[in-house]
Amino acid sequence: MTRQQRIEQALRDAFPGDDARVEDLSAQHHGHAGFDVQGSHFRVRVRSARFAGLGPLARHRLVYDALDPLLRQEVHSVTLDLGPL
């Protein structure tokens, strides 16, 4: 399973039934710090009913909690686009 697929699976587990998409932007960062050909830079878009009434920081915390093991060991950078359904 690729890193992108593991991120997608972690999001599906944390936000079942919600819209979660992951785009690998690693190729745009070739030669930059943290670049890894297996995937190191990602854009994550999540639309979830769980975000209703939450501010940006609380939304980010929910996603970071879901991705914590990957962010600590494998992913250099993640850009988040989060919003309610």
N, C-alpha and C. Protein backbone atom coordinates (compact mmCIF):
# COMPACT_ATOMS: atom_id res chain seq x y z
N MET A 1 0.85 -1.17 0.00
CA MET A 1 0.00 0.00 0.00
C MET A 1 0.91 1.24 0.00
N THR A 2 0.60 2.21 -0.85
CA THR A 2 1.40 3.43 -0.93
C THR A 2 1.09 4.35 0.26
N ARG A 3 1.94 5.34 0.45
CA ARG A 3 1.66 6.32 1.51
C ARG A 3 0.34 7.04 1.27
N GLN A 4 0.11 7.41 0.03
CA GLN A 4 -1.15 8.09 -0.28
C GLN A 4 -2.32 7.20 0.09
N GLN A 5 -2.25 5.93 -0.22
CA GLN A 5 -3.33 5.00 0.12
C GLN A 5 -3.48 4.84 1.63
N ARG A 6 -2.37 4.84 2.36
CA ARG A 6 -2.44 4.73 3.82
C ARG A 6 -3.08 5.99 4.43
N ILE A 7 -2.77 7.15 3.86
CA ILE A 7 -3.42 8.39 4.32
C ILE A 7 -4.91 8.32 4.04
N GLU A 8 -5.28 7.91 2.83
CA GLU A 8 -6.69 7.79 2.47
C GLU A 8 -7.41 6.82 3.40
N GLN A 9 -6.78 5.70 3.72
CA GLN A 9 -7.39 4.71 4.61
C GLN A 9 -7.57 5.27 6.01
N ALA A 10 -6.57 5.97 6.52
CA ALA A 10 -6.67 6.57 7.85
C ALA A 10 -7.81 7.58 7.90
N LEU A 11 -7.99 8.33 6.83
CA LEU A 11 -9.09 9.31 6.78
C LEU A 11 -10.44 8.62 6.68
N ARG A 12 -10.53 7.55 5.89
CA ARG A 12 -11.78 6.79 5.81
C ARG A 12 -12.15 6.21 7.17
N ASP A 13 -11.13 5.73 7.91
CA ASP A 13 -11.38 5.17 9.24
C ASP A 13 -11.86 6.25 10.22
N ALA A 14 -11.26 7.43 10.13
CA ALA A 14 -11.58 8.51 11.06
C ALA A 14 -12.86 9.26 10.70
N PHE A 15 -13.16 9.30 9.40
CA PHE A 15 -14.32 10.05 8.90
C PHE A 15 -15.16 9.17 7.98
N PRO A 16 -15.71 8.08 8.51
CA PRO A 16 -16.45 7.14 7.65
C PRO A 16 -17.64 7.81 6.97
N GLY A 17 -17.75 7.57 5.68
CA GLY A 17 -18.86 8.09 4.91
C GLY A 17 -18.71 9.53 4.47
N ASP A 18 -17.65 10.22 4.93
CA ASP A 18 -17.44 11.61 4.55
C ASP A 18 -16.54 11.69 3.31
N ASP A 19 -16.45 12.87 2.75
CA ASP A 19 -15.65 13.11 1.55
C ASP A 19 -14.22 13.43 1.95
N ALA A 20 -13.30 12.52 1.65
CA ALA A 20 -11.88 12.72 1.95
C ALA A 20 -11.07 12.39 0.71
N ARG A 21 -10.23 13.33 0.30
CA ARG A 21 -9.41 13.15 -0.89
C ARG A 21 -7.97 13.51 -0.58
N VAL A 22 -7.06 12.78 -1.19
CA VAL A 22 -5.63 13.01 -0.97
C VAL A 22 -4.93 13.13 -2.31
N GLU A 23 -4.15 14.17 -2.45
CA GLU A 23 -3.38 14.40 -3.68
C GLU A 23 -1.90 14.40 -3.33
N ASP A 24 -1.12 13.63 -4.06
CA ASP A 24 0.33 13.57 -3.85
C ASP A 24 0.99 14.70 -4.63
N LEU A 25 1.60 15.63 -3.91
CA LEU A 25 2.27 16.78 -4.52
C LEU A 25 3.78 16.63 -4.50
N SER A 26 4.27 15.45 -4.20
CA SER A 26 5.70 15.23 -4.00
C SER A 26 6.54 15.62 -5.21
N ALA A 27 6.07 15.35 -6.40
CA ALA A 27 6.85 15.65 -7.60
C ALA A 27 7.16 17.14 -7.72
N GLN A 28 6.28 17.98 -7.17
CA GLN A 28 6.50 19.43 -7.21
C GLN A 28 7.61 19.86 -6.27
N HIS A 29 8.03 18.96 -5.38
CA HIS A 29 9.02 19.29 -4.37
C HIS A 29 10.34 18.55 -4.57
N HIS A 30 10.53 18.01 -5.74
CA HIS A 30 11.78 17.29 -6.04
C HIS A 30 12.97 18.22 -5.78
N GLY A 31 13.91 17.74 -5.01
CA GLY A 31 15.09 18.53 -4.69
C GLY A 31 14.94 19.38 -3.44
N HIS A 32 13.75 19.43 -2.86
CA HIS A 32 13.51 20.21 -1.63
C HIS A 32 13.72 19.31 -0.41
N ALA A 33 13.84 19.94 0.73
CA ALA A 33 13.98 19.20 1.98
C ALA A 33 12.77 18.28 2.19
N GLY A 34 13.06 17.07 2.62
CA GLY A 34 11.99 16.13 2.93
C GLY A 34 11.44 15.37 1.74
N PHE A 35 11.91 15.68 0.52
CA PHE A 35 11.39 14.99 -0.67
C PHE A 35 11.68 13.51 -0.58
N ASP A 36 10.71 12.71 -0.94
CA ASP A 36 10.85 11.26 -0.99
C ASP A 36 10.04 10.76 -2.17
N VAL A 37 10.65 10.00 -3.03
CA VAL A 37 9.98 9.51 -4.24
C VAL A 37 8.75 8.66 -3.90
N GLN A 38 8.70 8.08 -2.71
CA GLN A 38 7.55 7.27 -2.30
C GLN A 38 6.37 8.12 -1.84
N GLY A 39 6.55 9.42 -1.79
CA GLY A 39 5.50 10.34 -1.36
C GLY A 39 5.86 11.01 -0.06
N SER A 40 5.93 12.33 -0.10
CA SER A 40 6.34 13.08 1.09
C SER A 40 5.51 14.34 1.32
N HIS A 41 4.92 14.86 0.27
CA HIS A 41 4.14 16.10 0.33
C HIS A 41 2.73 15.82 -0.20
N PHE A 42 1.72 16.11 0.62
CA PHE A 42 0.35 15.77 0.25
C PHE A 42 -0.60 16.92 0.52
N ARG A 43 -1.66 16.98 -0.27
CA ARG A 43 -2.78 17.89 -0.02
C ARG A 43 -3.96 17.01 0.38
N VAL A 44 -4.57 17.33 1.51
CA VAL A 44 -5.68 16.56 2.06
C VAL A 44 -6.91 17.46 2.09
N ARG A 45 -8.00 16.97 1.50
CA ARG A 45 -9.27 17.70 1.50
C ARG A 45 -10.30 16.81 2.18
N VAL A 46 -10.92 17.33 3.23
CA VAL A 46 -11.95 16.57 3.95
C VAL A 46 -13.17 17.46 4.14
N ARG A 47 -14.33 16.92 3.80
CA ARG A 47 -15.61 17.55 4.08
C ARG A 47 -16.36 16.59 5.00
N SER A 48 -16.63 17.05 6.22
CA SER A 48 -17.22 16.16 7.21
C SER A 48 -18.25 16.88 8.06
N ALA A 49 -19.33 16.18 8.38
CA ALA A 49 -20.33 16.71 9.30
C ALA A 49 -19.72 16.94 10.68
N ARG A 50 -18.66 16.21 11.01
CA ARG A 50 -17.98 16.38 12.31
C ARG A 50 -17.36 17.77 12.45
N PHE A 51 -17.15 18.47 11.35
CA PHE A 51 -16.53 19.79 11.39
C PHE A 51 -17.54 20.91 11.68
N ALA A 52 -18.83 20.61 11.58
CA ALA A 52 -19.86 21.64 11.79
C ALA A 52 -19.69 22.27 13.16
N GLY A 53 -19.63 23.58 13.19
CA GLY A 53 -19.51 24.31 14.43
C GLY A 53 -18.11 24.39 15.01
N LEU A 54 -17.15 23.74 14.36
CA LEU A 54 -15.76 23.76 14.84
C LEU A 54 -14.95 24.80 14.08
N GLY A 55 -14.04 25.42 14.77
CA GLY A 55 -13.13 26.36 14.13
C GLY A 55 -12.01 25.61 13.42
N PRO A 56 -11.19 26.34 12.68
CA PRO A 56 -10.11 25.72 11.92
C PRO A 56 -9.14 24.90 12.77
N LEU A 57 -8.77 25.39 13.94
CA LEU A 57 -7.82 24.66 14.78
C LEU A 57 -8.39 23.31 15.22
N ALA A 58 -9.64 23.28 15.63
CA ALA A 58 -10.27 22.03 16.06
C ALA A 58 -10.39 21.05 14.89
N ARG A 59 -10.69 21.55 13.71
CA ARG A 59 -10.76 20.68 12.52
C ARG A 59 -9.39 20.08 12.22
N HIS A 60 -8.36 20.93 12.26
CA HIS A 60 -7.01 20.45 12.00
C HIS A 60 -6.60 19.39 13.02
N ARG A 61 -6.96 19.59 14.27
CA ARG A 61 -6.59 18.61 15.30
C ARG A 61 -7.22 17.25 15.02
N LEU A 62 -8.47 17.23 14.58
CA LEU A 62 -9.12 15.96 14.27
C LEU A 62 -8.38 15.21 13.16
N VAL A 63 -7.97 15.94 12.14
CA VAL A 63 -7.26 15.30 11.02
C VAL A 63 -5.86 14.90 11.44
N TYR A 64 -5.16 15.77 12.15
CA TYR A 64 -3.81 15.42 12.61
C TYR A 64 -3.84 14.21 13.53
N ASP A 65 -4.85 14.09 14.38
CA ASP A 65 -4.98 12.91 15.23
C ASP A 65 -5.13 11.64 14.39
N ALA A 66 -5.91 11.73 13.32
CA ALA A 66 -6.13 10.57 12.46
C ALA A 66 -4.86 10.17 11.72
N LEU A 67 -4.03 11.15 11.39
CA LEU A 67 -2.83 10.90 10.58
C LEU A 67 -1.55 10.84 11.40
N ASP A 68 -1.65 10.95 12.71
CA ASP A 68 -0.49 11.09 13.57
C ASP A 68 0.66 10.11 13.29
N PRO A 69 0.41 8.81 13.24
CA PRO A 69 1.54 7.90 13.01
C PRO A 69 2.26 8.16 11.67
N LEU A 70 1.51 8.48 10.64
CA LEU A 70 2.12 8.76 9.34
C LEU A 70 2.89 10.07 9.36
N LEU A 71 2.33 11.08 10.02
CA LEU A 71 2.99 12.38 10.06
C LEU A 71 4.28 12.32 10.86
N ARG A 72 4.31 11.51 11.87
CA ARG A 72 5.51 11.40 12.71
C ARG A 72 6.66 10.69 12.00
N GLN A 73 6.34 9.76 11.12
CA GLN A 73 7.39 8.90 10.57
C GLN A 73 7.60 8.99 9.07
N GLU A 74 6.56 9.30 8.30
CA GLU A 74 6.68 9.12 6.86
C GLU A 74 6.40 10.35 6.01
N VAL A 75 5.59 11.26 6.49
CA VAL A 75 5.14 12.37 5.67
C VAL A 75 5.87 13.65 6.10
N HIS A 76 6.43 14.33 5.13
CA HIS A 76 7.15 15.57 5.42
C HIS A 76 6.21 16.76 5.53
N SER A 77 5.21 16.82 4.65
CA SER A 77 4.35 18.00 4.60
C SER A 77 2.93 17.59 4.18
N VAL A 78 1.97 18.22 4.85
CA VAL A 78 0.57 18.02 4.48
C VAL A 78 -0.13 19.37 4.53
N THR A 79 -0.86 19.66 3.46
CA THR A 79 -1.67 20.87 3.38
C THR A 79 -3.13 20.46 3.55
N LEU A 80 -3.83 21.12 4.45
CA LEU A 80 -5.20 20.73 4.76
C LEU A 80 -6.21 21.72 4.21
N ASP A 81 -7.27 21.17 3.63
CA ASP A 81 -8.43 21.93 3.17
C ASP A 81 -9.64 21.26 3.80
N LEU A 82 -10.18 21.85 4.87
CA LEU A 82 -11.19 21.20 5.69
C LEU A 82 -12.44 22.03 5.78
N GLY A 83 -13.58 21.36 5.72
CA GLY A 83 -14.83 22.08 5.85
C GLY A 83 -15.99 21.15 6.17
N PRO A 84 -17.11 21.71 6.61
CA PRO A 84 -18.29 20.89 6.89
C PRO A 84 -18.94 20.43 5.60
N LEU A 85 -19.75 19.39 5.70
CA LEU A 85 -20.50 18.91 4.53
C LEU A 85 -21.52 19.94 4.12
